Each structure stands twice: as C-alpha cells, then as structure tokens.
Amino acid sequence: MKPWYQELFSNYARRYDNESFTAGTIGECDFIEAEIGGDRSKRILDIGCGTGRHAIEMARRGYSVVGVDLSANMLAAARAKAESAGVRATFLEGDARTLTFRQEFDLAVMLCEGGFALMETDEMNYAILRSAANAVRNGGTFIFTTLNGLFPLYHSVRDFINAGQPQSNSEANTFDLMTFRDRSQFTFTDDSGVTKTVTCDERYYVPPEISWQLRSLGFSTVDIFGARIGQFSRQHTLTPDDYEMLVVARR
C-alpha cells in the first residue's frame, strides 16, 4: 500500500495547480532571488518540486535549476509546463530522503513542505533535511517552508484546511501534543474525476526544533519567519496565526 502522500500525488497535477496556495509563485520567487542577490550564476535545487512552479519561474529568470520529486505524474506536468513556457530546467524522479547530490548547489529550496513534514517518522523527515544539507555547498543557502507547530495550539487545523481547499475536505483531525502530529481523513478528487480518501499524518515543528536540526547538519545561521503565500519576507515575524514557517539557513 502506498504512503498517503504518494497516493494523493499519483494523479493530481492539474488540480494541484488550481489550488489557492499556488497563486503566490511570483512573490515567493522574488524573495528567493533577493536572498541570493540576483546572482544568476547560482545553481538551484528544488526539492519536492511538484509541477515545477518555482523551478520553472527561476529558470525563466535565467537560473540553472534542477527539480526533484517522488511523483512521476507531477514531474510529467512540470516538464510539459517548462516546454510550453520555453524554459530549460531539469526534472528528476527521486526520493528527497536519499538524494545523492554532494555540495553541487548554491541554493536548495523546498516549498509547500516539498515532502518534509509529510513523512511517517521524525527520522525520515530529518533525512530530507540531511539530503538538502549535503546538496548545498559551503556558503550556500537552504530556503524552505514547514508546518508551524504554534498554529495548532491556537487554531483548528481542520477548519483552516477546509476553508482554503474547495476541491477537498479534511475530517476527523486529531492533533497529538506528545508528537506534534496531526492525523486526519482527507477526501479529494483526482485528475480522472475519481474521489478518494487518504489518511494523512503530518508533523508540525516549533522553531527551536528546526534550528537545532539544521545546526546539527552544519548550517551556521538559521532565520525563521512567518510564511505568507506570495509574500515571503524577513519582515514577517512568526506568530501562532502563521500556518507555515519560512526558514532561511546558511552554511
């Protein structure tokens, strides 16, 4: 039986691109580009690239980009979109936990979780961070978003997800204070019109956890902000109202 995230993304590319959170690509890429000083010699790795929205936009701006994803369906959509846009980007099928890149990139990005926080165990999630750390050169940068553990302490995750996902529905959420995992039944319709339900298991993180894990992997600075769709900014202090954290780490 496939893990829930593989089942969800096995035939979901078209509907994924119509989700509300995908509308912020340009603003998010503006932030990414500013963080690397607009230096187009920088080589970028997009981990969990999905349908390639960030990878394609950064390639359109003149950067060399490699996107990696576990889903062949999402990658097929990414390649088709890149060809249609007339940009050149490389898309590879691979598992973010076991990437073999070694200090080959100046920047790694992993946005909208990109696999991280979706794994079955903390060890698997940590393996994704380790893969990213291995891929980035000394002096390089790692930018990613992840679920904000402060949010479910103050808000209903179910209500938040249902309010923003008209094509799907989240039910029976159970947030475990001992593990900071939210388990729920998620019903969606795939690109073939088939309605499915998966049992989601997502890990929320608090800032000290993320900072410690990244520093243990050799990052010298770790800055954490509130992640707002299409409006990534160092001016956005993280609060319990932010569903995601924006993390910027440098080696």
Protein backbone atom coordinates (compact mmCIF):
# COMPACT_ATOMS: atom_id res chain seq x y z
CA MET A 1 0.00 0.00 0.00
CA LYS A 2 1.35 3.42 -0.96
CA PRO A 3 2.02 6.07 1.69
CA TRP A 4 -0.77 8.66 1.74
CA TYR A 5 1.33 11.35 0.07
CA GLN A 6 2.18 9.07 -2.85
CA GLU A 7 -1.46 8.15 -3.29
CA LEU A 8 -2.50 11.81 -3.21
CA PHE A 9 0.01 12.97 -5.80
CA SER A 10 -0.17 9.96 -8.13
CA ASN A 11 -2.76 11.69 -10.32
CA TYR A 12 -3.27 15.22 -9.02
CA ALA A 13 -1.10 17.57 -11.08
CA ARG A 14 -3.86 19.52 -12.82
CA ARG A 15 -5.91 20.00 -9.69
CA TYR A 16 -2.80 20.86 -7.70
CA ASP A 17 -2.05 23.79 -10.00
CA ASN A 18 -5.56 25.12 -9.34
CA GLU A 19 -5.19 25.13 -5.55
CA SER A 20 -5.29 28.57 -3.95
CA PHE A 21 -1.80 28.34 -2.42
CA THR A 22 -0.16 28.01 -5.84
CA ALA A 23 -1.04 31.62 -6.72
CA GLY A 24 1.96 33.05 -4.86
CA THR A 25 4.76 31.73 -7.07
CA ILE A 26 6.00 35.08 -8.40
CA GLY A 27 6.25 36.74 -5.00
CA GLU A 28 7.92 33.70 -3.48
CA CYS A 29 10.50 33.60 -6.27
CA ASP A 30 11.13 37.33 -5.76
CA PHE A 31 12.13 36.53 -2.18
CA ILE A 32 14.31 33.59 -3.24
CA GLU A 33 16.08 35.70 -5.83
CA ALA A 34 16.70 38.50 -3.33
CA GLU A 35 18.22 36.04 -0.86
CA ILE A 36 20.88 35.05 -3.40
CA GLY A 37 21.46 38.62 -4.55
CA GLY A 38 20.10 38.06 -8.04
CA ASP A 39 23.29 36.18 -8.95
CA ARG A 40 22.33 34.09 -11.97
CA SER A 41 25.49 32.02 -11.69
CA LYS A 42 23.92 30.32 -8.66
CA ARG A 43 22.78 26.75 -9.22
CA ILE A 44 19.43 25.86 -7.63
CA LEU A 45 17.96 22.57 -6.40
CA ASP A 46 14.16 22.44 -5.94
CA ILE A 47 13.35 19.55 -3.58
CA GLY A 48 9.80 18.23 -3.87
CA CYS A 49 9.31 20.44 -6.91
CA GLY A 50 5.84 19.09 -7.74
CA THR A 51 4.60 20.55 -11.02
CA GLY A 52 7.65 22.79 -11.16
CA ARG A 53 6.10 26.16 -10.47
CA HIS A 54 9.11 27.60 -8.58
CA ALA A 55 11.71 25.76 -10.66
CA ILE A 56 10.20 26.99 -13.93
CA GLU A 57 9.90 30.57 -12.73
CA MET A 58 13.51 30.63 -11.52
CA ALA A 59 14.66 29.07 -14.81
CA ARG A 60 12.67 31.72 -16.68
CA ARG A 61 14.69 34.32 -14.77
CA GLY A 62 17.92 32.81 -16.03
CA TYR A 63 18.95 30.40 -13.26
CA SER A 64 20.17 26.83 -13.68
CA VAL A 65 17.59 24.71 -11.85
CA VAL A 66 17.20 21.01 -11.06
CA GLY A 67 13.84 19.87 -9.69
CA VAL A 68 13.39 16.55 -7.87
CA ASP A 69 10.11 14.89 -6.92
CA LEU A 70 8.83 11.47 -5.92
CA SER A 71 5.77 11.65 -8.20
CA ALA A 72 6.16 10.78 -11.88
CA ASN A 73 2.76 12.37 -12.52
CA MET A 74 3.80 15.72 -11.07
CA LEU A 75 7.12 15.61 -12.92
CA ALA A 76 5.40 14.94 -16.25
CA ALA A 77 3.33 18.07 -15.70
CA ALA A 78 6.46 20.04 -14.77
CA ARG A 79 8.27 19.02 -17.96
CA ALA A 80 5.24 19.88 -20.09
CA LYS A 81 4.88 23.28 -18.43
CA ALA A 82 8.59 24.06 -18.88
CA GLU A 83 8.41 23.17 -22.56
CA SER A 84 5.29 25.28 -23.01
CA ALA A 85 6.99 28.23 -21.27
CA GLY A 86 10.10 27.83 -23.44
CA VAL A 87 12.45 27.48 -20.48
CA ARG A 88 15.09 24.89 -19.73
CA ALA A 89 15.03 23.12 -16.37
CA THR A 90 15.98 19.59 -15.38
CA PHE A 91 13.39 17.44 -13.61
CA LEU A 92 14.40 14.18 -11.94
CA GLU A 93 12.39 11.50 -10.18
CA GLY A 94 13.85 10.81 -6.76
CA ASP A 95 13.26 10.42 -3.04
CA ALA A 96 14.14 13.52 -1.01
CA ARG A 97 15.36 11.28 1.82
CA THR A 98 18.09 9.68 -0.26
CA LEU A 99 19.38 12.31 -2.68
CA THR A 100 22.95 11.70 -3.82
CA PHE A 101 23.98 15.31 -4.53
CA ARG A 102 27.15 16.41 -2.71
CA GLN A 103 27.81 20.15 -2.47
CA GLU A 104 26.60 20.69 -6.03
CA PHE A 105 24.22 23.60 -5.46
CA ASP A 106 24.44 27.16 -4.19
CA LEU A 107 20.80 27.12 -3.12
CA ALA A 108 18.27 24.46 -2.21
CA VAL A 109 14.58 25.29 -1.89
CA MET A 110 11.78 23.12 -0.52
CA LEU A 111 8.45 24.91 -0.53
CA CYS A 112 4.91 23.86 0.41
CA GLU A 113 6.58 21.16 2.53
CA GLY A 114 8.20 19.55 -0.53
CA GLY A 115 7.92 16.20 1.23
CA PHE A 116 9.26 17.46 4.55
CA ALA A 117 6.78 17.10 7.44
CA LEU A 118 4.78 14.54 5.45
CA MET A 119 6.93 11.53 6.30
CA GLU A 120 5.88 8.72 8.63
CA THR A 121 8.64 9.28 11.20
CA ASP A 122 10.82 12.10 12.52
CA GLU A 123 13.85 10.18 11.30
CA MET A 124 12.51 10.24 7.72
CA ASN A 125 11.88 13.98 7.94
CA TYR A 126 15.39 14.52 9.29
CA ALA A 127 16.78 12.50 6.37
CA ILE A 128 15.23 15.05 3.99
CA LEU A 129 17.00 17.90 5.80
CA ARG A 130 20.23 15.91 5.66
CA SER A 131 19.86 15.40 1.90
CA ALA A 132 19.39 19.13 1.43
CA ALA A 133 22.39 19.92 3.63
CA ASN A 134 24.57 17.51 1.65
CA ALA A 135 23.48 19.07 -1.64
CA VAL A 136 24.39 22.66 -0.67
CA ARG A 137 27.93 23.98 -0.99
CA ASN A 138 29.75 25.73 1.85
CA GLY A 139 28.49 29.30 1.84
CA GLY A 140 25.22 28.17 0.27
CA THR A 141 21.63 28.72 1.32
CA PHE A 142 18.66 26.49 2.11
CA ILE A 143 15.17 28.05 1.99
CA PHE A 144 12.10 26.04 2.91
CA THR A 145 8.67 26.16 4.48
CA THR A 146 7.26 23.78 7.03
CA LEU A 147 4.20 23.42 9.24
CA ASN A 148 4.23 25.79 12.23
CA GLY A 149 3.74 23.90 15.50
CA LEU A 150 2.43 27.04 17.19
CA PHE A 151 -0.60 27.13 14.86
CA PRO A 152 -2.49 24.01 16.05
CA LEU A 153 -2.06 25.07 19.67
CA TYR A 154 -4.24 28.10 18.93
CA HIS A 155 -6.39 27.11 15.95
CA SER A 156 -8.39 24.30 14.36
CA VAL A 157 -6.30 22.74 11.59
CA ARG A 158 -9.40 21.13 10.09
CA ASP A 159 -11.26 24.42 9.76
CA PHE A 160 -8.22 26.15 8.26
CA ILE A 161 -7.63 23.46 5.63
CA ASN A 162 -11.29 23.20 4.68
CA ALA A 163 -11.59 26.96 4.28
CA GLY A 164 -8.75 27.03 1.74
CA GLN A 165 -9.34 23.80 -0.17
CA PRO A 166 -12.63 23.93 -2.12
CA GLN A 167 -11.72 20.78 -4.06
CA SER A 168 -11.14 18.64 -0.99
CA ASN A 169 -12.21 18.09 2.59
CA SER A 170 -10.39 17.27 5.81
CA GLU A 171 -12.20 15.33 8.53
CA ALA A 172 -11.59 13.89 11.98
CA ASN A 173 -8.37 15.76 12.71
CA THR A 174 -6.51 14.59 15.80
CA PHE A 175 -3.53 16.65 16.95
CA ASP A 176 -1.19 14.75 19.28
CA LEU A 177 0.57 17.03 21.78
CA MET A 178 3.20 14.38 22.51
CA THR A 179 4.33 14.01 18.89
CA PHE A 180 3.04 17.23 17.27
CA ARG A 181 1.46 15.11 14.56
CA ASP A 182 -1.93 15.84 13.04
CA ARG A 183 -3.79 12.81 11.71
CA SER A 184 -6.87 13.23 9.53
CA GLN A 185 -9.01 11.77 6.77
CA PHE A 186 -8.56 13.78 3.57
CA THR A 187 -11.06 13.39 0.73
CA PHE A 188 -10.20 14.68 -2.74
CA THR A 189 -10.99 14.17 -6.41
CA ASP A 190 -8.08 13.26 -8.68
CA ASP A 191 -7.46 14.38 -12.26
CA SER A 192 -9.50 11.45 -13.60
CA GLY A 193 -12.52 12.51 -11.57
CA VAL A 194 -12.16 9.69 -9.05
CA THR A 195 -12.92 10.61 -5.44
CA LYS A 196 -10.51 9.13 -2.91
CA THR A 197 -9.86 9.35 0.82
CA VAL A 198 -6.39 9.11 2.35
CA THR A 199 -5.28 9.06 5.97
CA CYS A 200 -2.87 11.96 6.38
CA ASP A 201 -0.16 12.09 9.03
CA GLU A 202 1.67 15.42 9.13
CA ARG A 203 4.34 16.62 11.55
CA TYR A 204 4.27 20.19 12.89
CA TYR A 205 7.52 21.73 14.12
CA VAL A 206 8.33 24.50 16.56
CA PRO A 207 11.19 26.92 15.79
CA PRO A 208 13.77 25.54 18.28
CA GLU A 209 13.43 22.06 16.77
CA ILE A 210 14.11 23.32 13.26
CA SER A 211 17.04 25.47 14.40
CA TRP A 212 18.66 22.61 16.30
CA GLN A 213 18.26 20.12 13.47
CA LEU A 214 19.73 22.49 10.87
CA ARG A 215 22.64 23.48 13.08
CA SER A 216 23.39 19.79 13.69
CA LEU A 217 23.67 19.47 9.89
CA GLY A 218 26.25 22.22 9.56
CA PHE A 219 24.18 25.35 8.95
CA SER A 220 25.72 28.31 10.76
CA THR A 221 22.70 30.64 10.74
CA VAL A 222 19.01 29.81 10.85
CA ASP A 223 16.37 32.53 10.48
CA ILE A 224 12.65 31.76 10.81
CA PHE A 225 9.72 33.91 9.70
CA GLY A 226 6.00 33.65 9.12
CA ALA A 227 5.28 32.20 5.68
CA ARG A 228 2.57 34.11 3.82
CA ILE A 229 1.50 32.90 0.39
CA GLY A 230 3.17 35.01 -2.29
CA GLN A 231 4.54 37.43 0.29
CA PHE A 232 7.66 35.84 1.74
CA SER A 233 9.50 38.49 3.75
CA ARG A 234 12.05 38.87 6.51
CA GLN A 235 9.69 41.46 7.97
CA HIS A 236 7.03 38.88 8.83
CA THR A 237 7.69 37.79 12.41
CA LEU A 238 6.44 34.25 13.08
CA THR A 239 3.20 34.15 15.10
CA PRO A 240 0.68 31.44 16.09
CA ASP A 241 -1.51 32.70 13.25
CA ASP A 242 1.00 31.55 10.61
CA TYR A 243 0.15 28.08 9.32
CA GLU A 244 3.68 27.67 7.96
CA MET A 245 7.15 28.82 8.89
CA LEU A 246 9.60 30.23 6.35
CA VAL A 247 13.15 29.08 7.12
CA VAL A 248 16.36 30.56 5.68
CA ALA A 249 19.54 28.69 6.64
CA ARG A 250 23.10 29.34 5.52
CA ARG A 251 26.14 27.09 5.68
